[in-house]
Amino acid sequence: LFYAKRRIFKINVVYKKKKEEMGVIDDYKKI
C-alpha cells in the first residue's frame, strides 16, 4: 500500500512537471 501510494505521488509529480512545461510552451507561443 505504501509503495502504491508513493508511486501515485511520483506520477502526480511527473504529471505536474509536464503540465508546467506545457504551460511554458503555451506562454512561449503567445509571445
N, C-alpha and C. Protein backbone atom coordinates (compact mmCIF):
# COMPACT_ATOMS: atom_id res chain seq x y z
N LEU A 1 0.85 -1.21 0.00
CA LEU A 1 0.00 0.00 0.00
C LEU A 1 0.88 1.25 0.00
N PHE A 2 1.89 1.25 0.85
CA PHE A 2 2.79 2.41 0.90
C PHE A 2 3.50 2.60 -0.43
N TYR A 3 3.92 1.48 -1.03
CA TYR A 3 4.62 1.55 -2.31
C TYR A 3 3.69 2.13 -3.39
N ALA A 4 2.44 1.67 -3.36
CA ALA A 4 1.47 2.16 -4.35
C ALA A 4 1.23 3.65 -4.16
N LYS A 5 1.11 4.07 -2.91
CA LYS A 5 0.90 5.49 -2.62
C LYS A 5 2.07 6.31 -3.13
N ARG A 6 3.28 5.80 -2.88
CA ARG A 6 4.49 6.51 -3.31
C ARG A 6 4.52 6.61 -4.83
N ARG A 7 4.10 5.55 -5.48
CA ARG A 7 4.11 5.51 -6.94
C ARG A 7 3.12 6.54 -7.50
N ILE A 8 1.95 6.61 -6.89
CA ILE A 8 0.94 7.58 -7.32
C ILE A 8 1.49 8.99 -7.13
N PHE A 9 2.15 9.22 -6.00
CA PHE A 9 2.73 10.53 -5.72
C PHE A 9 3.76 10.89 -6.79
N LYS A 10 4.60 9.92 -7.16
CA LYS A 10 5.63 10.14 -8.17
C LYS A 10 4.99 10.48 -9.51
N ILE A 11 3.93 9.75 -9.87
CA ILE A 11 3.24 10.00 -11.13
C ILE A 11 2.65 11.41 -11.12
N ASN A 12 2.07 11.81 -9.97
CA ASN A 12 1.49 13.14 -9.86
C ASN A 12 2.55 14.22 -10.04
N VAL A 13 3.72 14.00 -9.46
CA VAL A 13 4.81 14.97 -9.57
C VAL A 13 5.25 15.09 -11.03
N VAL A 14 5.40 13.95 -11.70
CA VAL A 14 5.81 13.96 -13.10
C VAL A 14 4.75 14.64 -13.96
N TYR A 15 3.49 14.34 -13.69
CA TYR A 15 2.38 14.93 -14.44
C TYR A 15 2.35 16.44 -14.25
N LYS A 16 2.57 16.88 -13.01
CA LYS A 16 2.57 18.31 -12.70
C LYS A 16 3.71 19.00 -13.45
N LYS A 17 4.88 18.35 -13.46
CA LYS A 17 6.04 18.92 -14.14
C LYS A 17 5.77 19.04 -15.64
N LYS A 18 5.18 18.01 -16.21
CA LYS A 18 4.85 18.02 -17.65
C LYS A 18 3.84 19.12 -17.95
N LYS A 19 2.85 19.27 -17.07
CA LYS A 19 1.82 20.29 -17.25
C LYS A 19 2.47 21.68 -17.22
N GLU A 20 3.42 21.87 -16.30
CA GLU A 20 4.10 23.16 -16.20
C GLU A 20 4.91 23.41 -17.46
N GLU A 21 5.57 22.37 -17.97
CA GLU A 21 6.35 22.52 -19.21
C GLU A 21 5.44 22.88 -20.37
N MET A 22 4.27 22.23 -20.43
CA MET A 22 3.31 22.54 -21.48
C MET A 22 2.85 23.99 -21.35
N GLY A 23 2.64 24.43 -20.12
CA GLY A 23 2.24 25.81 -19.86
C GLY A 23 3.30 26.78 -20.34
N VAL A 24 4.56 26.44 -20.11
CA VAL A 24 5.67 27.28 -20.55
C VAL A 24 5.67 27.36 -22.08
N ILE A 25 5.44 26.22 -22.72
CA ILE A 25 5.39 26.18 -24.19
C ILE A 25 4.25 27.06 -24.69
N ASP A 26 3.08 26.96 -24.02
CA ASP A 26 1.92 27.78 -24.41
C ASP A 26 2.26 29.26 -24.26
N ASP A 27 2.93 29.62 -23.17
CA ASP A 27 3.31 31.02 -22.96
C ASP A 27 4.28 31.47 -24.05
N TYR A 28 5.17 30.59 -24.44
CA TYR A 28 6.15 30.92 -25.47
C TYR A 28 5.45 31.16 -26.81
N LYS A 29 4.42 30.37 -27.09
CA LYS A 29 3.67 30.51 -28.35
C LYS A 29 2.92 31.85 -28.39
N LYS A 30 2.45 32.30 -27.22
CA LYS A 30 1.67 33.54 -27.15
C LYS A 30 2.53 34.75 -27.53
N ILE A 31 3.81 34.69 -27.19
CA ILE A 31 4.72 35.83 -27.43
C ILE A 31 4.94 36.01 -28.94
